[in-house]
Amino acid sequence: MGDSLEDTDAHAPRDRRRRDTLAARLATALVLVVVVATGAAAGWGYARGRAGLVADARAAQTARARLAADRIERAVRERERLVALWPGLDVSQDLAVDDLDKRLSASLEEMASHFGRGALALAADTAGRVVAASERGWIGRGVHAERWYLPASALPDNGARARSVDGRAPVLAVAAPVRATADGRRLGAIVLLTRWRALVEEAA
């Protein structure tokens, strides 16, 4: 019996060491599992958060683009509406007498100022000669060679027509015919030009 007690006592520290080593290994393995799981969860959360940020940014940009497009469309429609109304003003009849007292030019200055920077308003006769303009330097110039020029055949009988012209300086041209009050003959056209860059900046 004495021998067996001594053997048991001799093996006890060895068993404890084994248990301690096993416990340390289990603890280490548990820590590794927790670290890996936490890292995976953090990585998944980051990826998901990043994807969410990208999706939110894309949605915000799309919403801004739609808003800008709506504003540009409204700006074009407003120009068409105003240019369609201008030939009906009494002052537009001054096209028939070459705007001798410059009333029509003053009226066109008012129209252009309504749309701000980048707008130019003209009145051309049937020969394509500028009779009145919001910028005096245009008076007397011929516009047949201009890409934005809308000849009489391209204008509606009533209302206005818009034409977008590309190039180094893209412009939007809106024109409407002017007819004599007495006999309905065509006197020329009212034209409003706006640089596209100004339109886009206004919308943005």
N, C-alpha and C. Protein backbone atom coordinates (compact mmCIF):
# COMPACT_ATOMS: atom_id res chain seq x y z
N MET A 1 0.83 -1.21 0.00
CA MET A 1 0.00 0.00 0.00
C MET A 1 0.86 1.25 0.00
N GLY A 2 1.95 1.15 0.78
CA GLY A 2 2.83 2.31 0.79
C GLY A 2 3.38 2.63 -0.56
N ASP A 3 3.78 1.57 -1.34
CA ASP A 3 4.33 1.81 -2.67
C ASP A 3 3.30 2.49 -3.57
N SER A 4 2.04 2.03 -3.52
CA SER A 4 1.02 2.60 -4.42
C SER A 4 0.76 4.04 -4.11
N LEU A 5 0.81 4.40 -2.78
CA LEU A 5 0.61 5.79 -2.42
C LEU A 5 1.74 6.66 -2.97
N GLU A 6 2.97 6.15 -2.87
CA GLU A 6 4.09 6.91 -3.38
C GLU A 6 3.98 7.11 -4.90
N ASP A 7 3.52 6.05 -5.64
CA ASP A 7 3.37 6.16 -7.10
C ASP A 7 2.32 7.22 -7.46
N THR A 8 1.21 7.19 -6.70
CA THR A 8 0.14 8.17 -6.97
C THR A 8 0.64 9.57 -6.76
N ASP A 9 1.36 9.76 -5.69
CA ASP A 9 1.88 11.10 -5.41
C ASP A 9 2.89 11.52 -6.45
N ALA A 10 3.63 10.57 -6.98
CA ALA A 10 4.64 10.90 -7.98
C ALA A 10 4.00 11.32 -9.30
N HIS A 11 2.86 10.69 -9.64
CA HIS A 11 2.20 11.00 -10.93
C HIS A 11 1.31 12.24 -10.86
N ALA A 12 0.95 12.66 -9.64
CA ALA A 12 0.00 13.78 -9.51
C ALA A 12 0.50 15.06 -10.15
N PRO A 13 1.76 15.49 -9.88
CA PRO A 13 2.22 16.73 -10.53
C PRO A 13 2.23 16.61 -12.04
N ARG A 14 2.59 15.40 -12.54
CA ARG A 14 2.62 15.20 -13.99
C ARG A 14 1.23 15.37 -14.58
N ASP A 15 0.20 14.81 -13.91
CA ASP A 15 -1.19 14.95 -14.40
C ASP A 15 -1.64 16.41 -14.37
N ARG A 16 -1.22 17.08 -13.28
CA ARG A 16 -1.60 18.50 -13.19
C ARG A 16 -0.98 19.30 -14.32
N ARG A 17 0.31 18.97 -14.61
CA ARG A 17 0.97 19.67 -15.70
C ARG A 17 0.26 19.44 -17.03
N ARG A 18 -0.19 18.15 -17.21
CA ARG A 18 -0.91 17.85 -18.46
C ARG A 18 -2.22 18.63 -18.54
N ARG A 19 -2.91 18.66 -17.35
CA ARG A 19 -4.18 19.39 -17.34
C ARG A 19 -3.95 20.88 -17.58
N ASP A 20 -2.88 21.41 -16.97
CA ASP A 20 -2.57 22.83 -17.17
C ASP A 20 -2.23 23.11 -18.63
N THR A 21 -1.44 22.21 -19.25
CA THR A 21 -1.08 22.38 -20.66
C THR A 21 -2.31 22.31 -21.55
N LEU A 22 -3.18 21.35 -21.27
CA LEU A 22 -4.42 21.21 -22.05
C LEU A 22 -5.31 22.43 -21.90
N ALA A 23 -5.41 22.91 -20.65
CA ALA A 23 -6.23 24.10 -20.40
C ALA A 23 -5.67 25.31 -21.13
N ALA A 24 -4.32 25.42 -21.13
CA ALA A 24 -3.69 26.54 -21.83
C ALA A 24 -3.95 26.46 -23.33
N ARG A 25 -3.87 25.22 -23.86
CA ARG A 25 -4.13 25.04 -25.29
C ARG A 25 -5.58 25.38 -25.63
N LEU A 26 -6.51 24.93 -24.80
CA LEU A 26 -7.93 25.23 -25.02
C LEU A 26 -8.19 26.73 -24.93
N ALA A 27 -7.54 27.35 -23.93
CA ALA A 27 -7.72 28.80 -23.79
C ALA A 27 -7.18 29.54 -25.01
N THR A 28 -5.99 29.11 -25.46
CA THR A 28 -5.40 29.73 -26.65
C THR A 28 -6.29 29.55 -27.87
N ALA A 29 -6.79 28.30 -28.02
CA ALA A 29 -7.67 28.02 -29.16
C ALA A 29 -8.94 28.86 -29.08
N LEU A 30 -9.48 29.02 -27.86
CA LEU A 30 -10.69 29.82 -27.68
C LEU A 30 -10.43 31.28 -28.04
N VAL A 31 -9.26 31.78 -27.58
CA VAL A 31 -8.91 33.17 -27.91
C VAL A 31 -8.78 33.35 -29.42
N LEU A 32 -8.13 32.39 -30.07
CA LEU A 32 -7.99 32.47 -31.53
C LEU A 32 -9.34 32.46 -32.23
N VAL A 33 -10.23 31.58 -31.75
CA VAL A 33 -11.57 31.51 -32.34
C VAL A 33 -12.30 32.84 -32.19
N VAL A 34 -12.20 33.42 -30.96
CA VAL A 34 -12.86 34.71 -30.71
C VAL A 34 -12.28 35.81 -31.59
N VAL A 35 -10.93 35.84 -31.70
CA VAL A 35 -10.27 36.86 -32.52
C VAL A 35 -10.68 36.74 -33.98
N VAL A 36 -10.64 35.49 -34.50
CA VAL A 36 -11.01 35.26 -35.90
C VAL A 36 -12.46 35.64 -36.14
N ALA A 37 -13.34 35.22 -35.21
CA ALA A 37 -14.77 35.52 -35.37
C ALA A 37 -15.01 37.02 -35.33
N THR A 38 -14.32 37.68 -34.37
CA THR A 38 -14.47 39.14 -34.26
C THR A 38 -13.96 39.83 -35.52
N GLY A 39 -12.80 39.38 -36.02
CA GLY A 39 -12.25 39.95 -37.25
C GLY A 39 -13.17 39.74 -38.43
N ALA A 40 -13.72 38.53 -38.53
CA ALA A 40 -14.64 38.24 -39.63
C ALA A 40 -15.88 39.11 -39.54
N ALA A 41 -16.41 39.24 -38.30
CA ALA A 41 -17.61 40.06 -38.11
C ALA A 41 -17.31 41.52 -38.44
N ALA A 42 -16.13 42.00 -37.99
CA ALA A 42 -15.76 43.39 -38.28
C ALA A 42 -15.58 43.60 -39.78
N GLY A 43 -14.92 42.63 -40.44
CA GLY A 43 -14.72 42.74 -41.88
C GLY A 43 -16.04 42.73 -42.63
N TRP A 44 -16.95 41.86 -42.21
CA TRP A 44 -18.27 41.79 -42.85
C TRP A 44 -19.03 43.08 -42.63
N GLY A 45 -18.95 43.59 -41.38
CA GLY A 45 -19.64 44.84 -41.08
C GLY A 45 -19.07 46.00 -41.87
N TYR A 46 -17.72 46.04 -42.02
CA TYR A 46 -17.08 47.10 -42.80
C TYR A 46 -17.49 47.02 -44.26
N ALA A 47 -17.44 45.78 -44.80
CA ALA A 47 -17.82 45.60 -46.21
C ALA A 47 -19.27 46.00 -46.43
N ARG A 48 -20.12 45.59 -45.49
CA ARG A 48 -21.53 45.93 -45.62
C ARG A 48 -21.74 47.44 -45.49
N GLY A 49 -21.03 48.04 -44.51
CA GLY A 49 -21.14 49.49 -44.33
C GLY A 49 -20.62 50.24 -45.54
N ARG A 50 -19.50 49.76 -46.10
CA ARG A 50 -18.95 50.40 -47.29
C ARG A 50 -19.91 50.29 -48.47
N ALA A 51 -20.49 49.09 -48.64
CA ALA A 51 -21.47 48.91 -49.72
C ALA A 51 -22.66 49.82 -49.51
N GLY A 52 -23.07 49.98 -48.24
CA GLY A 52 -24.19 50.87 -47.95
C GLY A 52 -23.86 52.32 -48.29
N LEU A 53 -22.63 52.74 -47.94
CA LEU A 53 -22.20 54.10 -48.26
C LEU A 53 -22.17 54.34 -49.76
N VAL A 54 -21.65 53.36 -50.49
CA VAL A 54 -21.60 53.48 -51.96
C VAL A 54 -23.01 53.58 -52.53
N ALA A 55 -23.92 52.72 -52.02
CA ALA A 55 -25.30 52.73 -52.50
C ALA A 55 -25.97 54.06 -52.19
N ASP A 56 -25.73 54.59 -50.96
CA ASP A 56 -26.31 55.89 -50.58
C ASP A 56 -25.78 57.02 -51.45
N ALA A 57 -24.46 56.98 -51.70
CA ALA A 57 -23.86 58.02 -52.54
C ALA A 57 -24.41 57.97 -53.96
N ARG A 58 -24.56 56.75 -54.49
CA ARG A 58 -25.10 56.60 -55.83
C ARG A 58 -26.54 57.12 -55.90
N ALA A 59 -27.34 56.79 -54.88
CA ALA A 59 -28.73 57.25 -54.85
C ALA A 59 -28.80 58.77 -54.76
N ALA A 60 -27.90 59.36 -53.95
CA ALA A 60 -27.89 60.82 -53.81
C ALA A 60 -27.50 61.49 -55.13
N GLN A 61 -26.49 60.94 -55.82
CA GLN A 61 -26.07 61.51 -57.10
C GLN A 61 -27.18 61.39 -58.15
N THR A 62 -27.87 60.24 -58.14
CA THR A 62 -28.98 60.05 -59.09
C THR A 62 -30.08 61.06 -58.83
N ALA A 63 -30.39 61.28 -57.54
CA ALA A 63 -31.43 62.24 -57.19
C ALA A 63 -31.03 63.65 -57.63
N ARG A 64 -29.76 64.01 -57.44
CA ARG A 64 -29.28 65.34 -57.85
C ARG A 64 -29.35 65.49 -59.37
N ALA A 65 -28.97 64.42 -60.08
CA ALA A 65 -29.00 64.48 -61.54
C ALA A 65 -30.43 64.65 -62.05
N ARG A 66 -31.36 63.93 -61.43
CA ARG A 66 -32.77 64.08 -61.83
C ARG A 66 -33.27 65.48 -61.56
N LEU A 67 -32.90 66.04 -60.40
CA LEU A 67 -33.33 67.39 -60.06
C LEU A 67 -32.78 68.40 -61.05
N ALA A 68 -31.48 68.25 -61.39
CA ALA A 68 -30.87 69.16 -62.36
C ALA A 68 -31.54 69.04 -63.72
N ALA A 69 -31.84 67.80 -64.14
CA ALA A 69 -32.50 67.59 -65.43
C ALA A 69 -33.89 68.24 -65.45
N ASP A 70 -34.62 68.12 -64.33
CA ASP A 70 -35.94 68.75 -64.23
C ASP A 70 -35.83 70.26 -64.33
N ARG A 71 -34.81 70.81 -63.66
CA ARG A 71 -34.63 72.27 -63.69
C ARG A 71 -34.28 72.76 -65.09
N ILE A 72 -33.43 72.02 -65.78
CA ILE A 72 -33.07 72.39 -67.15
C ILE A 72 -34.29 72.33 -68.06
N GLU A 73 -35.09 71.27 -67.90
CA GLU A 73 -36.30 71.14 -68.72
C GLU A 73 -37.25 72.31 -68.46
N ARG A 74 -37.42 72.69 -67.20
CA ARG A 74 -38.29 73.83 -66.88
C ARG A 74 -37.74 75.12 -67.47
N ALA A 75 -36.41 75.27 -67.43
CA ALA A 75 -35.79 76.48 -67.98
C ALA A 75 -36.03 76.58 -69.49
N VAL A 76 -35.93 75.45 -70.19
CA VAL A 76 -36.18 75.44 -71.64
C VAL A 76 -37.64 75.77 -71.91
N ARG A 77 -38.56 75.17 -71.14
CA ARG A 77 -39.99 75.43 -71.36
C ARG A 77 -40.34 76.89 -71.09
N GLU A 78 -39.70 77.48 -70.08
CA GLU A 78 -39.97 78.89 -69.77
C GLU A 78 -39.51 79.79 -70.92
N ARG A 79 -38.36 79.47 -71.49
CA ARG A 79 -37.87 80.24 -72.63
C ARG A 79 -38.81 80.11 -73.83
N GLU A 80 -39.28 78.91 -74.08
CA GLU A 80 -40.23 78.71 -75.19
C GLU A 80 -41.51 79.51 -74.95
N ARG A 81 -41.98 79.50 -73.72
CA ARG A 81 -43.23 80.22 -73.40
C ARG A 81 -43.06 81.72 -73.61
N LEU A 82 -41.94 82.27 -73.10
CA LEU A 82 -41.74 83.71 -73.19
C LEU A 82 -41.50 84.16 -74.63
N VAL A 83 -40.69 83.40 -75.36
CA VAL A 83 -40.42 83.77 -76.76
C VAL A 83 -41.69 83.67 -77.59
N ALA A 84 -42.57 82.72 -77.27
CA ALA A 84 -43.84 82.61 -77.99
C ALA A 84 -44.74 83.81 -77.72
N LEU A 85 -44.62 84.41 -76.54
CA LEU A 85 -45.45 85.56 -76.18
C LEU A 85 -44.92 86.86 -76.79
N TRP A 86 -43.60 86.98 -76.94
CA TRP A 86 -42.99 88.26 -77.33
C TRP A 86 -43.47 88.78 -78.68
N PRO A 87 -43.63 87.96 -79.70
CA PRO A 87 -44.11 88.50 -80.98
C PRO A 87 -45.48 89.15 -80.89
N GLY A 88 -46.27 88.80 -79.89
CA GLY A 88 -47.59 89.39 -79.73
C GLY A 88 -47.57 90.78 -79.11
N LEU A 89 -46.42 91.20 -78.59
CA LEU A 89 -46.33 92.55 -78.02
C LEU A 89 -46.33 93.60 -79.12
N ASP A 90 -46.94 94.74 -78.85
CA ASP A 90 -47.00 95.82 -79.84
C ASP A 90 -45.60 96.25 -80.29
N VAL A 91 -44.64 96.21 -79.35
CA VAL A 91 -43.30 96.68 -79.68
C VAL A 91 -42.64 95.81 -80.75
N SER A 92 -43.07 94.56 -80.87
CA SER A 92 -42.48 93.68 -81.88
C SER A 92 -42.83 94.10 -83.30
N GLN A 93 -43.89 94.91 -83.45
CA GLN A 93 -44.26 95.42 -84.77
C GLN A 93 -43.22 96.40 -85.32
N ASP A 94 -42.32 96.86 -84.43
CA ASP A 94 -41.27 97.80 -84.88
C ASP A 94 -40.27 97.12 -85.81
N LEU A 95 -40.36 95.80 -85.93
CA LEU A 95 -39.55 95.09 -86.93
C LEU A 95 -39.81 95.63 -88.33
N ALA A 96 -41.07 96.06 -88.57
CA ALA A 96 -41.47 96.52 -89.90
C ALA A 96 -40.79 97.84 -90.27
N VAL A 97 -40.37 98.59 -89.25
CA VAL A 97 -39.74 99.91 -89.53
C VAL A 97 -38.30 99.93 -89.04
N ASP A 98 -37.66 98.75 -89.01
CA ASP A 98 -36.26 98.62 -88.61
C ASP A 98 -35.96 99.16 -87.20
N ASP A 99 -36.95 99.11 -86.33
CA ASP A 99 -36.76 99.52 -84.92
C ASP A 99 -36.11 100.89 -84.83
N LEU A 100 -36.70 101.86 -85.54
CA LEU A 100 -36.10 103.19 -85.65
C LEU A 100 -35.89 103.86 -84.28
N ASP A 101 -36.85 103.70 -83.37
CA ASP A 101 -36.71 104.37 -82.07
C ASP A 101 -36.12 103.46 -81.00
N LYS A 102 -35.64 102.29 -81.41
CA LYS A 102 -34.95 101.34 -80.53
C LYS A 102 -35.82 100.81 -79.38
N ARG A 103 -37.14 100.91 -79.53
CA ARG A 103 -38.02 100.36 -78.49
C ARG A 103 -37.89 98.84 -78.41
N LEU A 104 -37.79 98.20 -79.57
CA LEU A 104 -37.71 96.74 -79.59
C LEU A 104 -36.40 96.26 -78.96
N SER A 105 -35.32 96.98 -79.22
CA SER A 105 -34.04 96.60 -78.61
C SER A 105 -34.12 96.69 -77.09
N ALA A 106 -34.75 97.76 -76.60
CA ALA A 106 -34.91 97.91 -75.15
C ALA A 106 -35.75 96.77 -74.58
N SER A 107 -36.77 96.37 -75.33
CA SER A 107 -37.62 95.27 -74.90
C SER A 107 -36.84 93.95 -74.87
N LEU A 108 -35.98 93.75 -75.86
CA LEU A 108 -35.17 92.53 -75.91
C LEU A 108 -34.12 92.51 -74.80
N GLU A 109 -33.62 93.68 -74.43
CA GLU A 109 -32.70 93.76 -73.29
C GLU A 109 -33.41 93.29 -72.02
N GLU A 110 -34.67 93.68 -71.89
CA GLU A 110 -35.46 93.25 -70.73
C GLU A 110 -35.63 91.73 -70.72
N MET A 111 -35.92 91.16 -71.90
CA MET A 111 -36.08 89.70 -71.98
C MET A 111 -34.79 88.99 -71.59
N ALA A 112 -33.67 89.42 -72.16
CA ALA A 112 -32.40 88.76 -71.88
C ALA A 112 -32.02 88.88 -70.42
N SER A 113 -32.28 90.04 -69.80
CA SER A 113 -31.92 90.23 -68.40
C SER A 113 -32.75 89.32 -67.49
N HIS A 114 -33.95 88.97 -67.93
CA HIS A 114 -34.80 88.06 -67.16
C HIS A 114 -34.13 86.70 -66.98
N PHE A 115 -33.34 86.29 -67.98
CA PHE A 115 -32.68 84.98 -67.93
C PHE A 115 -31.23 85.08 -67.49
N GLY A 116 -30.76 86.27 -67.21
CA GLY A 116 -29.44 86.43 -66.62
C GLY A 116 -28.30 86.24 -67.59
N ARG A 117 -27.12 85.98 -66.98
CA ARG A 117 -25.88 85.86 -67.75
C ARG A 117 -25.96 84.73 -68.76
N GLY A 118 -25.42 84.97 -69.93
CA GLY A 118 -25.38 83.93 -70.96
C GLY A 118 -26.57 83.94 -71.90
N ALA A 119 -27.47 84.94 -71.78
CA ALA A 119 -28.64 85.02 -72.66
C ALA A 119 -28.50 86.20 -73.62
N LEU A 120 -28.95 86.00 -74.85
CA LEU A 120 -28.91 87.03 -75.88
C LEU A 120 -30.24 86.98 -76.63
N ALA A 121 -30.90 88.13 -76.78
CA ALA A 121 -32.18 88.21 -77.48
C ALA A 121 -32.01 89.04 -78.74
N LEU A 122 -32.56 88.53 -79.86
CA LEU A 122 -32.44 89.18 -81.15
C LEU A 122 -33.81 89.26 -81.84
N ALA A 123 -33.93 90.22 -82.76
CA ALA A 123 -35.06 90.27 -83.69
C ALA A 123 -34.48 90.39 -85.08
N ALA A 124 -34.78 89.41 -85.94
CA ALA A 124 -34.24 89.41 -87.30
C ALA A 124 -35.39 89.53 -88.29
N ASP A 125 -35.14 90.22 -89.40
CA ASP A 125 -36.18 90.32 -90.42
C ASP A 125 -36.18 89.07 -91.29
N THR A 126 -37.05 89.05 -92.31
CA THR A 126 -37.17 87.83 -93.14
C THR A 126 -35.92 87.55 -93.96
N ALA A 127 -35.06 88.56 -94.13
CA ALA A 127 -33.82 88.36 -94.87
C ALA A 127 -32.70 87.84 -93.96
N GLY A 128 -33.02 87.68 -92.66
CA GLY A 128 -32.00 87.19 -91.73
C GLY A 128 -31.07 88.27 -91.21
N ARG A 129 -31.48 89.55 -91.33
CA ARG A 129 -30.67 90.66 -90.83
C ARG A 129 -31.18 91.06 -89.45
N VAL A 130 -30.25 91.20 -88.48
CA VAL A 130 -30.63 91.57 -87.12
C VAL A 130 -31.03 93.05 -87.10
N VAL A 131 -32.29 93.27 -86.73
CA VAL A 131 -32.84 94.64 -86.68
C VAL A 131 -32.75 95.21 -85.27
N ALA A 132 -32.93 94.34 -84.28
CA ALA A 132 -32.88 94.77 -82.88
C ALA A 132 -32.22 93.66 -82.07
N ALA A 133 -31.57 94.06 -80.96
CA ALA A 133 -30.88 93.05 -80.15
C ALA A 133 -30.64 93.58 -78.74
N SER A 134 -30.52 92.65 -77.81
CA SER A 134 -30.22 93.04 -76.43
C SER A 134 -28.78 93.52 -76.30
N GLU A 135 -27.92 93.13 -77.25
CA GLU A 135 -26.54 93.62 -77.32
C GLU A 135 -26.38 94.38 -78.63
N ARG A 136 -26.12 95.65 -78.55
CA ARG A 136 -26.15 96.53 -79.73
C ARG A 136 -25.19 96.08 -80.83
N GLY A 137 -24.12 95.41 -80.49
CA GLY A 137 -23.15 94.99 -81.49
C GLY A 137 -23.70 94.02 -82.52
N TRP A 138 -24.84 93.40 -82.22
CA TRP A 138 -25.45 92.45 -83.16
C TRP A 138 -26.30 93.13 -84.22
N ILE A 139 -26.72 94.35 -83.99
CA ILE A 139 -27.62 95.03 -84.91
C ILE A 139 -26.94 95.23 -86.27
N GLY A 140 -27.65 94.84 -87.34
CA GLY A 140 -27.13 94.96 -88.69
C GLY A 140 -26.42 93.70 -89.19
N ARG A 141 -26.13 92.77 -88.31
CA ARG A 141 -25.45 91.55 -88.74
C ARG A 141 -26.41 90.58 -89.43
N GLY A 142 -25.90 89.80 -90.36
CA GLY A 142 -26.68 88.74 -90.99
C GLY A 142 -26.51 87.45 -90.21
N VAL A 143 -27.57 86.68 -90.09
CA VAL A 143 -27.50 85.47 -89.26
C VAL A 143 -27.78 84.19 -90.05
N HIS A 144 -27.89 84.29 -91.37
CA HIS A 144 -28.17 83.10 -92.18
C HIS A 144 -27.09 82.03 -92.02
N ALA A 145 -25.87 82.47 -91.82
CA ALA A 145 -24.76 81.51 -91.74
C ALA A 145 -24.60 80.92 -90.33
N GLU A 146 -25.34 81.47 -89.37
CA GLU A 146 -25.22 80.97 -88.00
C GLU A 146 -25.87 79.59 -87.87
N ARG A 147 -25.22 78.69 -87.16
CA ARG A 147 -25.75 77.33 -87.02
C ARG A 147 -27.07 77.30 -86.25
N TRP A 148 -27.24 78.27 -85.34
CA TRP A 148 -28.45 78.29 -84.53
C TRP A 148 -29.62 78.94 -85.26
N TYR A 149 -29.36 79.56 -86.40
CA TYR A 149 -30.42 80.31 -87.07
C TYR A 149 -31.54 79.38 -87.53
N LEU A 150 -32.77 79.79 -87.22
CA LEU A 150 -33.96 79.04 -87.64
C LEU A 150 -34.65 79.83 -88.74
N PRO A 151 -34.58 79.40 -89.98
CA PRO A 151 -35.22 80.13 -91.09
C PRO A 151 -36.74 80.09 -90.94
N ALA A 152 -37.40 80.95 -91.71
CA ALA A 152 -38.86 81.05 -91.62
C ALA A 152 -39.53 79.71 -91.84
N SER A 153 -38.99 78.92 -92.76
CA SER A 153 -39.60 77.62 -93.06
C SER A 153 -39.52 76.63 -91.89
N ALA A 154 -38.60 76.90 -90.95
CA ALA A 154 -38.42 75.98 -89.81
C ALA A 154 -39.21 76.42 -88.59
N LEU A 155 -39.89 77.59 -88.69
CA LEU A 155 -40.63 78.10 -87.55
C LEU A 155 -42.10 77.68 -87.62
N PRO A 156 -42.75 77.49 -86.47
CA PRO A 156 -44.18 77.17 -86.48
C PRO A 156 -44.98 78.42 -86.83
N ASP A 157 -46.22 78.23 -87.22
CA ASP A 157 -47.07 79.39 -87.49
C ASP A 157 -47.33 80.17 -86.21
N ASN A 158 -47.50 79.44 -85.13
CA ASN A 158 -47.69 80.06 -83.82
C ASN A 158 -46.82 79.31 -82.81
N GLY A 159 -46.41 80.04 -81.77
CA GLY A 159 -45.58 79.39 -80.77
C GLY A 159 -44.10 79.49 -81.11
N ALA A 160 -43.30 78.78 -80.35
CA ALA A 160 -41.85 78.86 -80.51
C ALA A 160 -41.26 77.48 -80.74
N ARG A 161 -40.08 77.50 -81.32
CA ARG A 161 -39.36 76.25 -81.54
C ARG A 161 -37.97 76.36 -80.95
N ALA A 162 -37.52 75.28 -80.30
CA ALA A 162 -36.18 75.27 -79.69
C ALA A 162 -35.26 74.40 -80.52
N ARG A 163 -34.02 74.82 -80.60
CA ARG A 163 -32.99 74.03 -81.29
C ARG A 163 -31.73 74.08 -80.43
N SER A 164 -31.16 72.91 -80.17
CA SER A 164 -29.91 72.83 -79.42
C SER A 164 -28.77 72.64 -80.41
N VAL A 165 -27.76 73.50 -80.31
CA VAL A 165 -26.63 73.45 -81.24
C VAL A 165 -25.37 73.09 -80.47
N ASP A 166 -24.72 72.01 -80.89
CA ASP A 166 -23.47 71.59 -80.25
C ASP A 166 -22.29 72.32 -80.89
N GLY A 167 -21.19 72.24 -80.23
CA GLY A 167 -19.97 72.89 -80.73
C GLY A 167 -19.08 73.24 -79.57
N ARG A 168 -18.09 74.07 -79.83
CA ARG A 168 -17.19 74.47 -78.75
C ARG A 168 -17.93 75.23 -77.66
N ALA A 169 -18.97 75.98 -78.06
CA ALA A 169 -19.80 76.70 -77.10
C ALA A 169 -21.26 76.37 -77.40
N PRO A 170 -21.76 75.23 -76.90
CA PRO A 170 -23.13 74.80 -77.20
C PRO A 170 -24.15 75.85 -76.76
N VAL A 171 -25.17 76.04 -77.59
CA VAL A 171 -26.21 77.01 -77.25
C VAL A 171 -27.59 76.40 -77.46
N LEU A 172 -28.56 76.97 -76.74
CA LEU A 172 -29.96 76.66 -76.96
C LEU A 172 -30.57 77.86 -77.67
N ALA A 173 -31.17 77.63 -78.84
CA ALA A 173 -31.83 78.70 -79.59
C ALA A 173 -33.33 78.46 -79.58
N VAL A 174 -34.08 79.49 -79.18
CA VAL A 174 -35.55 79.42 -79.19
C VAL A 174 -36.05 80.59 -80.05
N ALA A 175 -36.88 80.30 -81.05
CA ALA A 175 -37.33 81.34 -81.97
C ALA A 175 -38.83 81.23 -82.22
N ALA A 176 -39.44 82.38 -82.51
CA ALA A 176 -40.87 82.43 -82.83
C ALA A 176 -41.08 83.50 -83.90
N PRO A 177 -42.02 83.29 -84.82
CA PRO A 177 -42.25 84.26 -85.90
C PRO A 177 -43.01 85.50 -85.43
N VAL A 178 -42.71 86.62 -86.07
CA VAL A 178 -43.44 87.87 -85.82
C VAL A 178 -44.24 88.17 -87.09
N ARG A 179 -45.54 88.39 -86.91
CA ARG A 179 -46.41 88.68 -88.05
C ARG A 179 -47.01 90.07 -87.90
N ALA A 180 -47.25 90.72 -89.04
CA ALA A 180 -47.85 92.06 -89.03
C ALA A 180 -49.29 91.96 -88.53
N THR A 181 -49.65 92.88 -87.67
CA THR A 181 -51.00 92.87 -87.10
C THR A 181 -52.05 93.14 -88.19
N ALA A 182 -51.70 94.00 -89.16
CA ALA A 182 -52.67 94.41 -90.17
C ALA A 182 -53.02 93.28 -91.14
N ASP A 183 -52.04 92.63 -91.73
CA ASP A 183 -52.33 91.65 -92.78
C ASP A 183 -51.76 90.24 -92.51
N GLY A 184 -51.09 90.05 -91.40
CA GLY A 184 -50.59 88.72 -91.05
C GLY A 184 -49.33 88.30 -91.77
N ARG A 185 -48.75 89.21 -92.57
CA ARG A 185 -47.52 88.81 -93.26
C ARG A 185 -46.38 88.68 -92.26
N ARG A 186 -45.42 87.84 -92.61
CA ARG A 186 -44.30 87.59 -91.70
C ARG A 186 -43.31 88.75 -91.77
N LEU A 187 -42.98 89.29 -90.60
CA LEU A 187 -42.02 90.38 -90.50
C LEU A 187 -40.61 89.89 -90.16
N GLY A 188 -40.55 88.75 -89.53
CA GLY A 188 -39.26 88.21 -89.11
C GLY A 188 -39.43 87.28 -87.92
N ALA A 189 -38.50 87.30 -87.00
CA ALA A 189 -38.56 86.38 -85.86
C ALA A 189 -37.87 86.98 -84.65
N ILE A 190 -38.35 86.58 -83.49
CA ILE A 190 -37.70 86.87 -82.22
C ILE A 190 -36.90 85.63 -81.84
N VAL A 191 -35.65 85.83 -81.45
CA VAL A 191 -34.77 84.70 -81.12
C VAL A 191 -34.14 84.93 -79.74
N LEU A 192 -34.13 83.89 -78.93
CA LEU A 192 -33.45 83.95 -77.63
C LEU A 192 -32.38 82.86 -77.62
N LEU A 193 -31.13 83.28 -77.39
CA LEU A 193 -30.01 82.34 -77.33
C LEU A 193 -29.51 82.25 -75.89
N THR A 194 -29.24 81.04 -75.46
CA THR A 194 -28.69 80.83 -74.11
C THR A 194 -27.56 79.82 -74.20
N ARG A 195 -26.42 80.15 -73.61
CA ARG A 195 -25.32 79.18 -73.56
C ARG A 195 -25.71 78.01 -72.66
N TRP A 196 -25.47 76.80 -73.13
CA TRP A 196 -25.82 75.62 -72.34
C TRP A 196 -25.09 75.61 -71.01
N ARG A 197 -23.86 76.10 -71.02
CA ARG A 197 -23.10 76.12 -69.77
C ARG A 197 -23.83 76.94 -68.70
N ALA A 198 -24.40 78.08 -69.14
CA ALA A 198 -25.15 78.92 -68.20
C ALA A 198 -26.39 78.19 -67.69
N LEU A 199 -27.06 77.45 -68.59
CA LEU A 199 -28.23 76.68 -68.19
C LEU A 199 -27.87 75.62 -67.15
N VAL A 200 -26.78 74.91 -67.40
CA VAL A 200 -26.36 73.84 -66.49
C VAL A 200 -25.94 74.42 -65.14
N GLU A 201 -25.21 75.52 -65.15
CA GLU A 201 -24.78 76.14 -63.91
C GLU A 201 -25.99 76.61 -63.10
N GLU A 202 -26.98 77.15 -63.81
CA GLU A 202 -28.20 77.60 -63.14
C GLU A 202 -28.94 76.42 -62.51
N ALA A 203 -28.98 75.30 -63.21
CA ALA A 203 -29.68 74.11 -62.70
C ALA A 203 -28.94 73.49 -61.54
N ALA A 204 -27.61 73.60 -61.55
CA ALA A 204 -26.80 72.97 -60.49
C ALA A 204 -26.77 73.82 -59.23
